[in-house]
Amino acid sequence: MEKNLLQILSGQVFDENLQISLVEFCQICQINSTEVIEMVEEGVLEPVSGISHQEWYFNSRAINRLRTAKRLQQDLEINLPGIALALDLLQEIEQLRKQIKS
């Protein structure tokens, strides 16, 4: 007897110009602020504005970057400095692909 599995995917669409506070960022990504602060300190994430973490604002790219970082951390057990390097390299590959297509 075959079992049919129903997989439900959900997502959110964000404007590229969106800027959200640290609190909103944590709520959307379901992460605590301590983890976000550590990720900023290690270069995994970069706020688009603000000097102190109370003033930080993030954009939709940071949301995508965090989601990728969490997958790298969970699936491959990479530490934060390794994740920062991997994300930077993935971003560079994407930019090079865009240049080739142009």
C-alpha atoms as a PDB file:
ATOM      1  CA  MET A   1       0.000   0.000   0.000  1.00  0.00           C
ATOM      2  CA  GLU A   2       1.424   3.356  -1.059  1.00  0.00           C
ATOM      3  CA  LYS A   3       1.265   6.313   1.211  1.00  0.00           C
ATOM      4  CA  ASN A   4       0.576   9.670  -0.362  1.00  0.00           C
ATOM      5  CA  LEU A   5       2.382  12.463   1.372  1.00  0.00           C
ATOM      6  CA  LEU A   6       1.192  16.000   1.107  1.00  0.00           C
ATOM      7  CA  GLN A   7       3.928  18.563   1.363  1.00  0.00           C
ATOM      8  CA  ILE A   8       2.883  22.125   1.949  1.00  0.00           C
ATOM      9  CA  LEU A   9       5.320  24.843   1.107  1.00  0.00           C
ATOM     10  CA  SER A  10       4.908  28.327   2.401  1.00  0.00           C
ATOM     11  CA  GLY A  11       6.830  31.455   1.700  1.00  0.00           C
ATOM     12  CA  GLN A  12       6.916  35.174   2.032  1.00  0.00           C
ATOM     13  CA  VAL A  13       7.725  37.711  -0.654  1.00  0.00           C
ATOM     14  CA  PHE A  14       9.673  40.766   0.451  1.00  0.00           C
ATOM     15  CA  ASP A  15      10.441  43.987  -1.370  1.00  0.00           C
ATOM     16  CA  GLU A  16      14.192  44.397  -1.980  1.00  0.00           C
ATOM     17  CA  ASN A  17      13.985  47.910  -0.511  1.00  0.00           C
ATOM     18  CA  LEU A  18      12.416  46.622   2.692  1.00  0.00           C
ATOM     19  CA  GLN A  19      14.208  47.613   5.887  1.00  0.00           C
ATOM     20  CA  ILE A  20      13.235  45.915   9.120  1.00  0.00           C
ATOM     21  CA  SER A  21      14.460  46.345  12.682  1.00  0.00           C
ATOM     22  CA  LEU A  22      16.374  43.685  14.598  1.00  0.00           C
ATOM     23  CA  VAL A  23      13.197  42.762  16.503  1.00  0.00           C
ATOM     24  CA  GLU A  24      11.181  42.350  13.295  1.00  0.00           C
ATOM     25  CA  PHE A  25      14.057  40.435  11.684  1.00  0.00           C
ATOM     26  CA  CYS A  26      14.135  38.010  14.625  1.00  0.00           C
ATOM     27  CA  GLN A  27      10.361  37.517  14.470  1.00  0.00           C
ATOM     28  CA  ILE A  28      10.322  36.867  10.722  1.00  0.00           C
ATOM     29  CA  CYS A  29      13.289  34.482  10.842  1.00  0.00           C
ATOM     30  CA  GLN A  30      12.308  32.870  14.153  1.00  0.00           C
ATOM     31  CA  ILE A  31      15.722  33.449  15.682  1.00  0.00           C
ATOM     32  CA  ASN A  32      16.809  35.173  18.865  1.00  0.00           C
ATOM     33  CA  SER A  33      18.729  38.442  18.844  1.00  0.00           C
ATOM     34  CA  THR A  34      21.810  36.906  20.491  1.00  0.00           C
ATOM     35  CA  GLU A  35      22.279  34.593  17.497  1.00  0.00           C
ATOM     36  CA  VAL A  36      21.843  37.496  15.085  1.00  0.00           C
ATOM     37  CA  ILE A  37      24.404  39.588  16.980  1.00  0.00           C
ATOM     38  CA  GLU A  38      26.887  36.691  16.834  1.00  0.00           C
ATOM     39  CA  MET A  39      26.269  36.311  13.100  1.00  0.00           C
ATOM     40  CA  VAL A  40      26.872  40.019  12.518  1.00  0.00           C
ATOM     41  CA  GLU A  41      30.091  39.863  14.559  1.00  0.00           C
ATOM     42  CA  GLU A  42      31.315  36.884  12.471  1.00  0.00           C
ATOM     43  CA  GLY A  43      30.408  38.502   9.145  1.00  0.00           C
ATOM     44  CA  VAL A  44      27.546  36.156   8.296  1.00  0.00           C
ATOM     45  CA  LEU A  45      25.011  39.004   8.327  1.00  0.00           C
ATOM     46  CA  GLU A  46      25.400  42.712   7.745  1.00  0.00           C
ATOM     47  CA  PRO A  47      22.821  45.298   8.780  1.00  0.00           C
ATOM     48  CA  VAL A  48      22.065  47.919   6.135  1.00  0.00           C
ATOM     49  CA  SER A  49      22.063  50.676   8.739  1.00  0.00           C
ATOM     50  CA  GLY A  50      22.576  51.393  12.406  1.00  0.00           C
ATOM     51  CA  ILE A  51      25.626  51.490  14.631  1.00  0.00           C
ATOM     52  CA  SER A  52      24.504  49.580  17.713  1.00  0.00           C
ATOM     53  CA  HIS A  53      22.320  46.487  17.565  1.00  0.00           C
ATOM     54  CA  GLN A  54      19.369  48.486  18.915  1.00  0.00           C
ATOM     55  CA  GLU A  55      19.578  50.637  15.762  1.00  0.00           C
ATOM     56  CA  TRP A  56      20.231  47.858  13.228  1.00  0.00           C
ATOM     57  CA  TYR A  57      18.023  47.472  10.190  1.00  0.00           C
ATOM     58  CA  PHE A  58      18.137  44.546   7.784  1.00  0.00           C
ATOM     59  CA  ASN A  59      16.834  44.040   4.256  1.00  0.00           C
ATOM     60  CA  SER A  60      15.312  41.073   2.436  1.00  0.00           C
ATOM     61  CA  ARG A  61      18.758  39.911   1.284  1.00  0.00           C
ATOM     62  CA  ALA A  62      19.711  39.417   4.940  1.00  0.00           C
ATOM     63  CA  ILE A  63      16.646  37.212   5.393  1.00  0.00           C
ATOM     64  CA  ASN A  64      17.705  35.012   2.475  1.00  0.00           C
ATOM     65  CA  ARG A  65      21.299  34.971   3.676  1.00  0.00           C
ATOM     66  CA  LEU A  66      20.203  33.919   7.174  1.00  0.00           C
ATOM     67  CA  ARG A  67      18.068  31.098   5.808  1.00  0.00           C
ATOM     68  CA  THR A  68      21.005  29.803   3.768  1.00  0.00           C
ATOM     69  CA  ALA A  69      23.296  30.163   6.792  1.00  0.00           C
ATOM     70  CA  LYS A  70      20.922  28.134   8.953  1.00  0.00           C
ATOM     71  CA  ARG A  71      20.812  25.368   6.329  1.00  0.00           C
ATOM     72  CA  LEU A  72      24.620  25.277   6.169  1.00  0.00           C
ATOM     73  CA  GLN A  73      24.783  25.150   9.948  1.00  0.00           C
ATOM     74  CA  GLN A  74      22.181  22.403  10.322  1.00  0.00           C
ATOM     75  CA  ASP A  75      22.965  20.239   7.301  1.00  0.00           C
ATOM     76  CA  LEU A  76      26.748  20.516   7.144  1.00  0.00           C
ATOM     77  CA  GLU A  77      27.518  21.531  10.732  1.00  0.00           C
ATOM     78  CA  ILE A  78      29.675  24.445   9.574  1.00  0.00           C
ATOM     79  CA  ASN A  79      30.713  27.009  12.211  1.00  0.00           C
ATOM     80  CA  LEU A  80      29.973  30.742  11.841  1.00  0.00           C
ATOM     81  CA  PRO A  81      33.322  31.779  10.293  1.00  0.00           C
ATOM     82  CA  GLY A  82      32.963  28.934   7.783  1.00  0.00           C
ATOM     83  CA  ILE A  83      29.400  29.972   7.012  1.00  0.00           C
ATOM     84  CA  ALA A  84      30.503  33.573   6.415  1.00  0.00           C
ATOM     85  CA  LEU A  85      33.162  32.369   3.965  1.00  0.00           C
ATOM     86  CA  ALA A  86      30.778  29.979   2.202  1.00  0.00           C
ATOM     87  CA  LEU A  87      28.117  32.679   1.823  1.00  0.00           C
ATOM     88  CA  ASP A  88      30.631  35.173   0.448  1.00  0.00           C
ATOM     89  CA  LEU A  89      31.857  32.591  -2.072  1.00  0.00           C
ATOM     90  CA  LEU A  90      28.295  31.704  -3.098  1.00  0.00           C
ATOM     91  CA  GLN A  91      27.547  35.408  -3.580  1.00  0.00           C
ATOM     92  CA  GLU A  92      30.670  35.820  -5.701  1.00  0.00           C
ATOM     93  CA  ILE A  93      29.701  32.819  -7.852  1.00  0.00           C
ATOM     94  CA  GLU A  94      26.244  34.326  -8.385  1.00  0.00           C
ATOM     95  CA  GLN A  95      27.763  37.668  -9.432  1.00  0.00           C
ATOM     96  CA  LEU A  96      30.111  35.928 -11.868  1.00  0.00           C
ATOM     97  CA  ARG A  97      27.201  33.984 -13.379  1.00  0.00           C
ATOM     98  CA  LYS A  98      25.321  37.239 -13.908  1.00  0.00           C
ATOM     99  CA  GLN A  99      28.358  38.759 -15.619  1.00  0.00           C
ATOM    100  CA  ILE A 100      28.656  35.769 -17.945  1.00  0.00           C
ATOM    101  CA  LYS A 101      24.967  36.025 -18.904  1.00  0.00           C
ATOM    102  CA  SER A 102      25.302  39.761 -19.690  1.00  0.00           C
END
